[in-house]
């Protein structure tokens, strides 16, 4: 043989005690001689042997001792506590993990083992009458604020009688707490999404949005323990992530334009584009991270999923490095689905109102058209049959004028949010409050912005019109205005962003926001109202409403300026 000689262990038992077998083997092997089972086990642990020589009578006890020792090693290294309890409630053996548990836990284990032994005994008694043989049983118990689970298995004698119980015990506190939190998130999420359409319909649109926003903020703080976060919804027209709810984040972080693109749009853009959650453990080392909390050190961003479609993102910031783990990610994902569902339900309620209103208007218009035409035709027939009756002709002409006003009103209602009711009746006039006032009008519906421009021009206002949010913000940056009238939902910038831009331009500048049937997917009304928004007009509105609100806004601004 080349290299080191093989090593063998000689167990000097009864027969081999004085036999020169060790000398014989020593010519070809490295030989170690031991005299007891304990020494043999210690030697086998310390070195690797190619063979073991022992008397037949010694070999079986040695083998059993080795197996027992290996089993002991296994039982002492596993993460669960293991013990054997007899019928008297005495612990005959326990592994090292079991000894680490507090005394209260051990007493609970002994008590449950006693109960299990009785159950196994009852099962054995029943078995003689044909019952199924007893199996292991699982138990749970609590000690102070910790939760434990255990499995008890019977040890039976030759007659099948359970005489001992083997118990495997583990600390289930973490799992129980996780489950309790998941249950709490589920319950809160269902409460969040439980928007009673009848109750909601009685609230003004800003109140509906405020109700939902308050719920989301409350559960985010109280349940999720998130104090700095933002929810952005995806605008499918522009692919932009619009801020709808924010808490504890600086304005500059919310004004950053982010789009649902994997690169160049921060973590939120990546999550919205891929639909995958993202944990940023250290903002200073993560190239995807962009501005968030002023002293942010880590962040968690999850997609808002609605029927397997990304509709937005939920971004949480922390002032500590490595704040978020996989549990936080899973919790945020579950909560995020409920947030997406609640926001969608609110939008559906508004859309339903919009659709139903449109259907009703169209139905009324169709039903009224024929009777109106009949009235006009009947008036014309009567006039022709009563030629020379001037009083009758005058009365019939008044009826026709009134009927035409009804027809015009129906047409205005039918037009829905794309109309300003009564604008055609406005005449050129002088108004000292409005004359020379510079007004910015922004709306992506040409009919609305052109109509408002025409009306305000007749009152002597200098009007600048913009077809989207980007144009409006640029106009505000380049010129000064006395008033802004803007739609809430437009491409590139929403109503709140236009409001914020106006305040950067001139603090306290009056702003009137417009929306169709209360539709406000970005919660601009709530956010701007908290910052001093003048008023909100819900389309369709009458020209008198528009002018009243404009006068109030300008009067308030002038009063504030004088003060």
Protein backbone atom coordinates (compact mmCIF):
# COMPACT_ATOMS: atom_id res chain seq x y z
CA UNK A 1 0.00 0.00 0.00
CA UNK A 2 1.18 3.49 -0.78
CA UNK A 3 0.64 6.46 1.60
CA UNK A 4 -0.65 6.24 5.16
CA UNK A 5 -1.55 2.76 6.39
CA UNK A 6 -5.25 1.97 7.10
CA UNK A 7 -6.37 2.48 10.68
CA UNK A 8 -8.32 -0.16 12.64
CA UNK A 9 -9.90 -0.21 16.08
CA UNK A 10 -9.54 -3.28 18.30
CA UNK A 11 -12.12 -3.61 21.06
CA UNK A 12 -10.31 -5.64 23.75
CA UNK A 13 -13.29 -7.63 24.97
CA UNK A 14 -13.65 -10.96 26.72
CA UNK A 15 -11.78 -13.17 24.22
CA UNK A 16 -9.39 -10.70 22.66
CA UNK A 17 -8.22 -9.22 25.94
CA UNK A 18 -4.71 -10.84 25.98
CA UNK A 19 -4.67 -12.20 22.43
CA UNK A 20 -1.85 -10.89 20.29
CA UNK A 21 -4.36 -9.87 17.57
CA UNK A 22 -3.32 -6.25 17.96
CA UNK A 23 0.31 -7.25 17.36
CA UNK A 24 -0.62 -9.29 14.30
CA UNK A 25 -2.63 -6.41 12.82
CA UNK A 26 0.09 -3.94 13.71
CA UNK A 27 2.31 -5.29 10.93
CA UNK A 28 -0.12 -3.97 8.28
CA UNK A 29 -2.35 -1.38 10.04
CA UNK A 30 -2.26 1.46 12.47
CA UNK A 31 -4.01 -0.08 15.48
CA UNK A 32 -5.87 1.57 18.36
CA UNK A 33 -6.97 -0.65 21.26
CA UNK A 34 -9.86 0.21 23.61
CA UNK A 35 -11.17 -1.69 26.62
CA UNK A 36 -14.76 -0.41 27.03
CA UNK A 37 -17.80 0.60 25.03
CA UNK A 38 -17.47 4.25 26.12
CA UNK A 39 -13.82 4.31 24.98
CA UNK A 40 -14.82 2.72 21.66
CA UNK A 41 -17.51 5.38 21.03
CA UNK A 42 -15.07 8.17 21.96
CA UNK A 43 -12.44 6.76 19.58
CA UNK A 44 -14.95 6.42 16.73
CA UNK A 45 -15.97 10.05 17.25
CA UNK A 46 -12.35 11.24 17.22
CA UNK A 47 -10.97 9.31 14.23
CA UNK A 48 -11.98 7.62 11.01
CA UNK A 49 -11.36 3.80 10.97
CA UNK A 50 -11.26 1.34 8.12
CA UNK A 51 -12.38 -1.50 10.35
CA UNK A 52 -13.42 -2.56 13.86
CA UNK A 53 -12.35 -5.87 15.44
CA UNK A 54 -14.45 -7.10 18.36
CA UNK A 55 -15.69 -10.29 19.92
CA UNK A 56 -19.12 -11.35 18.68
CA UNK A 57 -20.48 -10.94 22.17
CA UNK A 58 -19.16 -7.38 22.37
CA UNK A 59 -20.07 -6.27 18.88
CA UNK A 60 -23.86 -6.16 19.31
CA UNK A 61 -23.75 -3.98 22.49
CA UNK A 62 -21.19 -1.75 20.76
CA UNK A 63 -23.41 -1.37 17.70
CA UNK A 64 -26.40 -0.52 19.87
CA UNK A 65 -24.36 2.02 21.82
CA UNK A 66 -23.18 3.64 18.59
CA UNK A 67 -26.73 3.85 17.24
CA UNK A 68 -27.96 5.22 20.55
CA UNK A 69 -25.20 7.80 20.56
CA UNK A 70 -25.99 8.86 16.99
CA UNK A 71 -29.68 9.12 17.86
CA UNK A 72 -28.78 11.25 20.86
CA UNK A 73 -26.71 13.55 18.66
CA UNK A 74 -29.63 13.93 16.26
CA UNK A 75 -32.17 14.56 19.01
CA UNK A 76 -29.93 17.12 20.67
CA UNK A 77 -29.30 19.09 17.47
CA UNK A 78 -32.85 19.36 16.12
CA UNK A 79 -34.74 22.58 16.77
CA UNK A 80 -37.60 20.99 18.72
CA UNK A 81 -37.74 19.89 22.31
CA UNK A 82 -38.15 16.13 22.82
CA UNK A 83 -38.99 14.29 26.04
CA UNK A 84 -40.35 10.95 27.29
CA UNK A 85 -42.96 11.05 30.06
CA UNK A 86 -44.21 7.96 31.90
CA UNK A 87 -47.59 7.14 33.41
CA UNK A 88 -46.59 8.81 36.70
CA UNK A 89 -45.90 12.10 34.96
CA UNK A 90 -42.15 11.74 35.40
CA UNK A 91 -39.79 12.80 32.61
CA UNK A 92 -37.52 9.83 31.90
CA UNK A 93 -35.45 11.61 29.25
CA UNK A 94 -35.26 14.95 27.44
CA UNK A 95 -32.99 16.47 24.84
CA UNK A 96 -30.99 19.66 25.29
CA UNK A 97 -33.57 21.88 23.54
CA UNK A 98 -36.25 20.74 25.99
CA UNK A 99 -34.14 21.83 28.94
CA UNK A 100 -33.94 25.38 27.55
CA UNK A 101 -37.69 25.94 27.87
CA UNK A 102 -38.94 27.74 31.00
CA UNK A 103 -40.26 25.62 33.85
CA UNK A 104 -43.86 26.69 33.12
CA UNK A 105 -43.56 25.25 29.61
CA UNK A 106 -42.15 21.97 30.91
CA UNK A 107 -45.01 21.66 33.42
CA UNK A 108 -47.56 22.21 30.66
CA UNK A 109 -45.86 19.51 28.57
CA UNK A 110 -45.96 17.01 31.45
CA UNK A 111 -49.65 17.78 32.10
CA UNK A 112 -50.61 17.35 28.43
CA UNK A 113 -48.58 14.13 28.20
CA UNK A 114 -50.64 12.77 31.10
CA UNK A 115 -53.85 13.65 29.24
CA UNK A 116 -52.49 12.09 26.07
CA UNK A 117 -51.58 8.89 27.93
CA UNK A 118 -55.18 8.59 29.13
CA UNK A 119 -56.42 9.12 25.59
CA UNK A 120 -54.09 6.47 24.26
CA UNK A 121 -55.21 4.12 27.02
CA UNK A 122 -58.87 4.73 26.14
CA UNK A 123 -58.09 4.12 22.50
CA UNK A 124 -56.37 0.84 23.38
CA UNK A 125 -59.40 -0.28 25.41
CA UNK A 126 -61.67 0.58 22.50
CA UNK A 127 -59.31 -1.21 20.13
CA UNK A 128 -60.11 -4.54 21.73
CA UNK A 129 -63.69 -3.95 20.63
CA UNK A 130 -62.63 -3.29 17.06
CA UNK A 131 -61.66 0.37 17.14
CA UNK A 132 -58.80 1.75 15.04
CA UNK A 133 -55.39 1.79 16.71
CA UNK A 134 -54.53 5.12 18.36
CA UNK A 135 -52.17 7.52 16.55
CA UNK A 136 -50.19 10.63 17.44
CA UNK A 137 -52.11 13.65 18.68
CA UNK A 138 -51.37 17.35 18.32
CA UNK A 139 -51.86 19.90 21.12
CA UNK A 140 -51.41 23.66 21.48
CA UNK A 141 -50.92 25.76 24.61
CA UNK A 142 -49.83 29.24 25.65
CA UNK A 143 -47.48 30.42 28.37
CA UNK A 144 -47.76 34.16 28.96
CA UNK A 145 -47.30 35.76 25.51
CA UNK A 146 -45.70 32.70 23.87
CA UNK A 147 -47.46 29.95 21.92
CA UNK A 148 -46.35 26.31 21.74
CA UNK A 149 -47.40 23.29 19.75
CA UNK A 150 -46.59 19.64 20.51
CA UNK A 151 -47.16 16.17 19.10
CA UNK A 152 -47.59 13.24 21.48
CA UNK A 153 -46.94 9.63 20.38
CA UNK A 154 -47.53 6.52 22.54
CA UNK A 155 -44.84 4.03 23.57
CA UNK A 156 -46.51 0.64 24.05
CA UNK A 157 -45.58 -2.59 25.83
CA UNK A 158 -45.79 -6.09 24.37
CA UNK A 159 -49.54 -6.11 25.00
CA UNK A 160 -50.07 -2.86 23.10
CA UNK A 161 -50.73 -0.86 26.27
CA UNK A 162 -49.45 2.76 26.20
CA UNK A 163 -46.93 3.09 29.02
CA UNK A 164 -45.05 6.24 28.03
CA UNK A 165 -45.51 9.27 25.80
CA UNK A 166 -42.90 10.76 23.51
CA UNK A 167 -43.53 14.49 23.10
CA UNK A 168 -42.05 16.77 20.43
CA UNK A 169 -42.48 20.45 21.38
CA UNK A 170 -41.74 23.65 19.44
CA UNK A 171 -42.22 27.39 19.90
CA UNK A 172 -44.97 28.52 17.48
CA UNK A 173 -45.08 32.14 18.70
CA UNK A 174 -43.72 33.63 15.49
CA UNK A 175 -46.11 31.69 13.29
CA UNK A 176 -49.08 32.49 15.52
CA UNK A 177 -48.25 36.18 15.52
CA UNK A 178 -47.86 36.17 11.77
CA UNK A 179 -51.20 34.45 11.39
CA UNK A 180 -52.87 36.89 13.78
CA UNK A 181 -51.48 39.81 11.79
CA UNK A 182 -52.59 38.28 8.50
CA UNK A 183 -56.07 37.81 9.99
CA UNK A 184 -56.08 41.42 11.20
CA UNK A 185 -54.97 42.69 7.78
CA UNK A 186 -57.64 40.58 6.13
CA UNK A 187 -60.35 41.92 8.46
CA UNK A 188 -59.19 45.53 8.02
CA UNK A 189 -58.92 45.07 4.26
CA UNK A 190 -62.47 43.78 4.05
CA UNK A 191 -63.60 46.77 6.13
CA UNK A 192 -61.63 49.06 3.81
CA UNK A 193 -63.30 47.64 0.71
CA UNK A 194 -66.76 47.60 2.29
CA UNK A 195 -68.07 50.78 0.69
CA UNK A 196 -71.84 50.81 0.97
CA UNK A 197 -73.03 52.34 -2.30
CA UNK A 198 -76.20 53.70 -0.68
CA UNK A 199 -74.30 55.37 2.15
CA UNK A 200 -71.55 56.61 -0.15
CA UNK A 201 -74.05 58.10 -2.59
CA UNK A 202 -75.33 60.40 0.17
CA UNK A 203 -71.87 61.92 0.64
CA UNK A 204 -70.43 64.68 -1.48
CA UNK A 205 -67.53 63.48 -3.69
CA UNK A 206 -64.85 65.10 -1.49
CA UNK A 207 -66.36 63.40 1.55
CA UNK A 208 -66.26 60.00 -0.17
CA UNK A 209 -62.61 60.41 -1.02
CA UNK A 210 -61.77 61.72 2.44
CA UNK A 211 -63.52 58.72 4.02
CA UNK A 212 -61.47 56.25 2.01
CA UNK A 213 -58.23 58.18 2.47
CA UNK A 214 -58.69 58.34 6.24
CA UNK A 215 -59.30 54.59 6.39
CA UNK A 216 -56.19 53.79 4.36
CA UNK A 217 -54.00 56.08 6.46
CA UNK A 218 -55.43 54.71 9.72
CA UNK A 219 -54.84 51.06 8.82
CA UNK A 220 -51.41 51.80 7.36
CA UNK A 221 -50.33 53.38 10.64
CA UNK A 222 -52.17 51.37 13.28
CA UNK A 223 -51.99 47.94 11.69
CA UNK A 224 -49.02 48.00 9.33
CA UNK A 225 -47.02 50.50 11.44
CA UNK A 226 -46.14 52.47 8.30
CA UNK A 227 -45.80 56.21 9.03
CA UNK A 228 -44.21 57.44 5.79
CA UNK A 229 -45.82 56.22 2.59
CA UNK A 230 -47.36 57.20 -0.73
CA UNK A 231 -49.91 55.52 -2.96
CA UNK A 232 -49.64 56.20 -6.67
CA UNK A 233 -52.18 55.10 -9.26
CA UNK A 234 -51.28 54.30 -12.84
CA UNK A 235 -52.77 56.60 -15.48
CA UNK A 236 -53.14 54.31 -18.48
CA UNK A 237 -53.31 57.20 -20.91
CA UNK A 238 -49.93 58.63 -19.99
CA UNK A 239 -48.37 55.63 -18.15
CA UNK A 240 -47.69 58.05 -15.31
CA UNK A 241 -47.85 57.12 -11.62
CA UNK A 242 -50.07 59.78 -10.05
CA UNK A 243 -49.91 60.41 -6.29
CA UNK A 244 -53.36 59.89 -4.73
CA UNK A 245 -52.58 59.48 -1.02
CA UNK A 246 -49.44 60.49 0.85
CA UNK A 247 -48.49 60.61 4.49
CA UNK A 248 -45.28 61.80 6.12
CA UNK A 249 -43.39 62.49 2.88
CA UNK A 250 -42.02 65.90 1.78
CA UNK A 251 -43.72 67.74 -1.14
CA UNK A 252 -40.60 67.56 -3.29
CA UNK A 253 -40.71 63.77 -3.18
CA UNK A 254 -44.32 63.75 -4.36
CA UNK A 255 -43.71 66.18 -7.22
CA UNK A 256 -41.25 63.89 -9.00
CA UNK A 257 -42.72 62.54 -12.24
CA UNK A 258 -42.55 58.77 -12.25
CA UNK A 259 -43.72 56.45 -15.03
CA UNK A 260 -44.33 52.71 -15.16
CA UNK A 261 -40.97 51.89 -16.71
CA UNK A 262 -38.37 49.47 -15.39
CA UNK A 263 -35.45 51.85 -15.86
CA UNK A 264 -34.97 55.50 -15.02
CA UNK A 265 -38.12 55.89 -12.93
CA UNK A 266 -37.02 54.80 -9.50
CA UNK A 267 -38.22 51.79 -7.58
CA UNK A 268 -41.89 52.73 -8.01
CA UNK A 269 -41.54 52.77 -11.79
CA UNK A 270 -39.79 49.41 -11.72
CA UNK A 271 -42.47 47.83 -9.52
CA UNK A 272 -45.31 49.23 -11.66
CA UNK A 273 -43.66 47.99 -14.86
CA UNK A 274 -42.76 44.50 -13.62
CA UNK A 275 -45.48 43.82 -11.06
CA UNK A 276 -42.80 42.62 -8.60
CA UNK A 277 -42.34 43.94 -5.08
CA UNK A 278 -39.01 45.51 -4.15
CA UNK A 279 -37.23 45.83 -0.81
CA UNK A 280 -34.53 48.48 -0.72
CA UNK A 281 -32.40 47.62 2.32
CA UNK A 282 -30.08 50.63 2.01
CA UNK A 283 -31.10 53.65 -0.09
CA UNK A 284 -27.52 54.91 -0.32
CA UNK A 285 -26.39 51.71 -2.04
CA UNK A 286 -29.39 51.08 -4.31
CA UNK A 287 -29.10 52.72 -7.75
CA UNK A 288 -32.87 52.46 -8.34
CA UNK A 289 -33.79 54.64 -5.37
CA UNK A 290 -34.84 58.26 -5.97
CA UNK A 291 -35.86 61.00 -3.53
CA UNK A 292 -38.33 59.98 -0.81
CA UNK A 293 -38.35 60.64 2.92
CA UNK A 294 -35.81 63.32 3.84
CA UNK A 295 -33.65 60.93 5.87
CA UNK A 296 -34.81 57.69 4.27
CA UNK A 297 -32.51 54.72 4.78
CA UNK A 298 -34.66 51.88 3.42
CA UNK A 299 -37.93 51.38 1.58
CA UNK A 300 -40.53 48.82 0.58
CA UNK A 301 -42.59 49.11 -2.60
CA UNK A 302 -45.35 46.70 -3.63
CA UNK A 303 -47.66 46.75 -6.65
CA UNK A 304 -51.36 47.48 -6.24
CA UNK A 305 -52.93 44.52 -8.00
CA UNK A 306 -56.50 44.35 -9.26
CA UNK A 307 -57.46 41.09 -10.96
CA UNK A 308 -53.79 40.36 -11.76
CA UNK A 309 -53.33 43.80 -13.30
CA UNK A 310 -51.04 46.49 -11.87
CA UNK A 311 -53.09 49.62 -11.15
CA UNK A 312 -50.55 51.44 -8.99
CA UNK A 313 -47.87 51.13 -6.29
CA UNK A 314 -47.71 51.37 -2.51
CA UNK A 315 -44.36 52.84 -1.39
CA UNK A 316 -43.25 52.86 2.26
CA UNK A 317 -40.15 54.65 3.56
CA UNK A 318 -38.13 54.25 6.76
CA UNK A 319 -35.42 56.24 8.51
CA UNK A 320 -33.54 53.05 9.46
CA UNK A 321 -31.39 50.77 7.31
CA UNK A 322 -32.80 47.28 6.74
CA UNK A 323 -36.22 48.00 8.24
CA UNK A 324 -38.25 45.74 5.95
CA UNK A 325 -38.19 41.95 5.59
CA UNK A 326 -40.13 39.30 3.70
CA UNK A 327 -42.96 39.32 6.25
CA UNK A 328 -43.42 43.07 5.73
CA UNK A 329 -43.46 42.51 1.97
CA UNK A 330 -46.16 39.85 2.22
CA UNK A 331 -48.26 41.96 4.58
CA UNK A 332 -47.98 45.01 2.33
CA UNK A 333 -48.92 42.97 -0.74
CA UNK A 334 -52.06 41.62 0.97
CA UNK A 335 -53.05 45.09 2.21
CA UNK A 336 -52.24 46.57 -1.21
CA UNK A 337 -54.77 44.32 -2.91
CA UNK A 338 -57.49 45.63 -0.63
CA UNK A 339 -56.39 49.23 -1.27
CA UNK A 340 -56.61 48.63 -5.03
CA UNK A 341 -60.04 47.04 -4.63
CA UNK A 342 -61.36 49.92 -2.48
CA UNK A 343 -60.12 52.56 -4.92
CA UNK A 344 -61.64 50.64 -7.80
CA UNK A 345 -65.01 50.31 -6.04
CA UNK A 346 -65.08 54.06 -5.43
CA UNK A 347 -64.34 54.72 -9.10
CA UNK A 348 -67.01 52.24 -10.16
CA UNK A 349 -69.58 54.03 -7.99
CA UNK A 350 -68.73 57.31 -9.69
CA UNK A 351 -68.72 55.72 -13.14
CA UNK A 352 -72.04 54.06 -12.35
CA UNK A 353 -73.48 57.42 -11.37
CA UNK A 354 -72.07 58.95 -14.55
CA UNK A 355 -73.44 56.14 -16.72
CA UNK A 356 -76.85 56.03 -15.08
CA UNK A 357 -77.16 59.82 -15.25
CA UNK A 358 -76.29 59.71 -18.93
CA UNK A 359 -78.78 56.92 -19.60
CA UNK A 360 -81.53 58.74 -17.71
CA UNK A 361 -80.80 61.99 -19.54
CA UNK A 362 -80.88 60.27 -22.90
CA UNK A 363 -84.10 58.44 -22.00
CA UNK A 364 -85.81 61.64 -20.80
CA UNK A 365 -84.65 63.49 -23.90
CA UNK A 366 -86.09 60.82 -26.17
CA UNK A 367 -89.37 60.68 -24.25
CA UNK A 368 -89.79 64.46 -24.23
CA UNK A 369 -88.83 65.16 -27.84
CA UNK A 370 -92.10 64.04 -29.39
CA UNK A 371 -94.43 65.90 -26.95
CA UNK A 372 -92.35 69.08 -27.30
CA UNK A 373 -92.56 68.93 -31.09
CA UNK A 374 -96.31 68.34 -30.84
CA UNK A 375 -96.74 71.42 -28.64
CA UNK A 376 -94.81 73.61 -31.09
CA UNK A 377 -96.76 72.28 -34.08
CA UNK A 378 -100.09 72.77 -32.27
CA UNK A 379 -99.19 76.38 -31.43
CA UNK A 380 -98.32 77.08 -35.07
CA UNK A 381 -101.59 75.51 -36.21
CA UNK A 382 -103.61 77.61 -33.76
CA UNK A 383 -101.86 80.79 -34.89
CA UNK A 384 -102.71 80.05 -38.52
CA UNK A 385 -106.35 79.35 -37.65
CA UNK A 386 -106.73 82.57 -35.61
CA UNK A 387 -105.17 85.15 -37.88
CA UNK A 388 -105.73 88.65 -36.46
CA UNK A 389 -106.08 87.54 -32.84
CA UNK A 390 -103.00 89.33 -31.53
CA UNK A 391 -103.53 88.44 -27.86
CA UNK A 392 -103.76 84.74 -28.69
CA UNK A 393 -100.72 84.94 -30.96
CA UNK A 394 -98.74 86.60 -28.19
CA UNK A 395 -99.71 83.87 -25.70
CA UNK A 396 -98.86 81.12 -28.17
CA UNK A 397 -95.48 82.71 -28.92
CA UNK A 398 -94.72 82.71 -25.19
CA UNK A 399 -95.63 79.02 -24.97
CA UNK A 400 -93.28 78.26 -27.88
CA UNK A 401 -90.46 80.24 -26.24
CA UNK A 402 -90.95 78.38 -22.97
CA UNK A 403 -91.00 75.04 -24.78
CA UNK A 404 -87.77 75.90 -26.59
CA UNK A 405 -86.17 76.74 -23.24
CA UNK A 406 -87.21 73.27 -22.02
CA UNK A 407 -85.69 71.75 -25.15
CA UNK A 408 -82.42 73.66 -24.59
CA UNK A 409 -82.30 72.54 -20.96
CA UNK A 410 -82.76 68.92 -22.01
CA UNK A 411 -79.98 69.29 -24.55
CA UNK A 412 -77.69 70.69 -21.85
CA UNK A 413 -78.46 67.82 -19.48
CA UNK A 414 -77.97 65.31 -22.29
CA UNK A 415 -74.53 66.79 -22.97
CA UNK A 416 -73.58 65.86 -19.39
CA UNK A 417 -70.20 66.95 -18.05
CA UNK A 418 -69.09 68.30 -21.42
CA UNK A 419 -71.35 71.34 -21.19
CA UNK A 420 -71.76 74.58 -19.28
CA UNK A 421 -75.49 75.06 -18.96
CA UNK A 422 -76.88 78.43 -20.03
CA UNK A 423 -73.67 79.80 -21.56
CA UNK A 424 -75.41 80.88 -24.79
CA UNK A 425 -77.52 83.39 -22.88
CA UNK A 426 -74.52 85.36 -21.54
CA UNK A 427 -74.27 88.86 -23.06
CA UNK A 428 -71.31 91.21 -23.33
CA UNK A 429 -71.23 93.25 -20.15
CA UNK A 430 -69.08 95.36 -17.86
CA UNK A 431 -68.11 94.03 -14.44
CA UNK A 432 -65.63 95.96 -12.32
CA UNK A 433 -64.66 92.89 -10.29
CA UNK A 434 -63.92 90.76 -13.35
CA UNK A 435 -62.71 93.30 -15.87
CA UNK A 436 -59.00 92.89 -16.61
CA UNK A 437 -58.60 89.83 -14.39
CA UNK A 438 -56.12 87.28 -15.72
CA UNK A 439 -57.67 83.80 -15.62
CA UNK A 440 -56.06 80.47 -16.55
CA UNK A 441 -58.57 77.89 -17.84
CA UNK A 442 -57.33 74.28 -18.22
CA UNK A 443 -59.42 71.37 -19.51
CA UNK A 444 -58.74 68.59 -21.98
CA UNK A 445 -62.35 68.92 -23.26
CA UNK A 446 -62.29 71.65 -25.87
CA UNK A 447 -65.98 72.42 -25.48
CA UNK A 448 -65.57 73.20 -21.76
CA UNK A 449 -62.47 75.37 -22.03
CA UNK A 450 -63.74 77.25 -25.10
CA UNK A 451 -67.13 77.87 -23.47
CA UNK A 452 -65.61 79.18 -20.24
CA UNK A 453 -63.20 81.35 -22.23
CA UNK A 454 -66.08 82.85 -24.23
CA UNK A 455 -68.13 83.55 -21.10
CA UNK A 456 -65.24 85.17 -19.22
CA UNK A 457 -64.26 87.28 -22.24
CA UNK A 458 -67.79 88.74 -22.21
CA UNK A 459 -67.14 89.89 -18.63
CA UNK A 460 -63.86 91.51 -19.62
CA UNK A 461 -61.44 88.85 -18.33
CA UNK A 462 -58.11 88.11 -19.99
CA UNK A 463 -58.21 84.34 -20.47
CA UNK A 464 -55.39 81.86 -21.17
CA UNK A 465 -56.57 78.38 -22.15
CA UNK A 466 -54.57 75.14 -21.79
CA UNK A 467 -55.49 71.73 -23.17
CA UNK A 468 -53.57 69.63 -20.58
CA UNK A 469 -51.81 69.78 -17.24
CA UNK A 470 -48.36 70.21 -18.72
CA UNK A 471 -49.41 73.38 -20.59
CA UNK A 472 -51.13 74.70 -17.47
CA UNK A 473 -48.06 74.26 -15.25
CA UNK A 474 -45.82 75.87 -17.86
CA UNK A 475 -48.22 78.82 -18.15
CA UNK A 476 -48.18 79.25 -14.37
CA UNK A 477 -44.39 79.22 -14.33
CA UNK A 478 -44.21 81.87 -17.07
CA UNK A 479 -47.01 84.30 -16.14
CA UNK A 480 -48.98 85.60 -13.18
CA UNK A 481 -52.73 85.04 -12.87
CA UNK A 482 -55.54 86.20 -10.63
CA UNK A 483 -57.45 82.92 -10.82
CA UNK A 484 -57.10 79.33 -12.06
CA UNK A 485 -60.06 77.24 -13.26
CA UNK A 486 -58.92 73.68 -13.97
CA UNK A 487 -60.31 70.23 -14.60
CA UNK A 488 -59.16 67.59 -12.14
CA UNK A 489 -58.43 64.75 -14.57
CA UNK A 490 -56.18 65.75 -17.45
CA UNK A 491 -53.15 64.27 -19.22
CA UNK A 492 -49.66 64.87 -17.76
CA UNK A 493 -50.73 66.75 -14.60
CA UNK A 494 -53.72 66.26 -12.31
CA UNK A 495 -55.76 68.89 -10.50
CA UNK A 496 -53.69 68.81 -7.33
CA UNK A 497 -50.43 69.28 -9.24
CA UNK A 498 -51.91 72.31 -11.00
CA UNK A 499 -53.11 73.64 -7.66
CA UNK A 500 -49.63 73.14 -6.14
CA UNK A 501 -48.01 74.87 -9.14
CA UNK A 502 -50.35 77.85 -8.73
CA UNK A 503 -49.37 78.22 -5.06
CA UNK A 504 -45.69 78.10 -5.95
CA UNK A 505 -46.35 80.85 -8.45
CA UNK A 506 -48.42 83.03 -6.10
CA UNK A 507 -49.22 81.92 -2.58
CA UNK A 508 -52.94 82.15 -1.92
CA UNK A 509 -53.91 82.31 -5.61
CA UNK A 510 -57.57 81.20 -5.83
CA UNK A 511 -58.13 77.93 -7.65
CA UNK A 512 -61.42 76.35 -8.76
CA UNK A 513 -61.31 72.69 -9.73
CA UNK A 514 -63.87 71.01 -11.97
CA UNK A 515 -64.82 67.35 -12.20
CA UNK A 516 -67.48 65.29 -13.92
CA UNK A 517 -69.95 63.79 -11.40
CA UNK A 518 -67.33 63.90 -8.66
CA UNK A 519 -64.73 61.83 -10.55
CA UNK A 520 -61.40 62.39 -8.81
CA UNK A 521 -59.12 59.34 -9.15
CA UNK A 522 -56.10 61.19 -7.75
CA UNK A 523 -57.91 62.57 -4.67
CA UNK A 524 -57.00 66.08 -5.80
CA UNK A 525 -60.08 67.51 -4.10
CA UNK A 526 -59.16 66.19 -0.66
CA UNK A 527 -55.49 67.09 -0.90
CA UNK A 528 -56.06 70.57 -2.36
CA UNK A 529 -58.93 71.31 0.06
CA UNK A 530 -56.61 70.64 2.98
CA UNK A 531 -54.21 73.22 1.52
CA UNK A 532 -56.81 75.95 0.87
CA UNK A 533 -58.60 75.13 -2.39
CA UNK A 534 -61.30 77.74 -3.18
CA UNK A 535 -64.06 75.45 -4.42
CA UNK A 536 -65.03 72.51 -6.62
CA UNK A 537 -67.56 72.56 -9.48
CA UNK A 538 -69.22 69.31 -10.46
CA UNK A 539 -70.04 69.06 -14.15
CA UNK A 540 -72.45 69.76 -15.66
CA UNK A 541 -72.89 73.12 -13.94
CA UNK A 542 -74.79 76.27 -14.80
CA UNK A 543 -72.98 79.36 -15.96
CA UNK A 544 -74.49 81.21 -12.97
CA UNK A 545 -72.78 78.72 -10.61
CA UNK A 546 -69.48 79.27 -12.38
CA UNK A 547 -69.70 83.06 -12.14
CA UNK A 548 -70.82 82.98 -8.50
CA UNK A 549 -67.83 80.82 -7.51
CA UNK A 550 -65.43 82.97 -9.54
CA UNK A 551 -66.68 86.13 -7.80
CA UNK A 552 -66.36 84.47 -4.38
CA UNK A 553 -62.83 83.31 -5.16
CA UNK A 554 -61.67 86.70 -6.43
CA UNK A 555 -63.37 88.58 -3.60
CA UNK A 556 -61.73 86.34 -1.02
CA UNK A 557 -58.34 86.75 -2.64
CA UNK A 558 -58.66 90.55 -2.78
CA UNK A 559 -59.77 90.66 0.86
CA UNK A 560 -56.79 88.52 1.85
CA UNK A 561 -54.46 90.81 -0.15
CA UNK A 562 -55.80 93.95 1.57
CA UNK A 563 -55.32 92.36 4.98
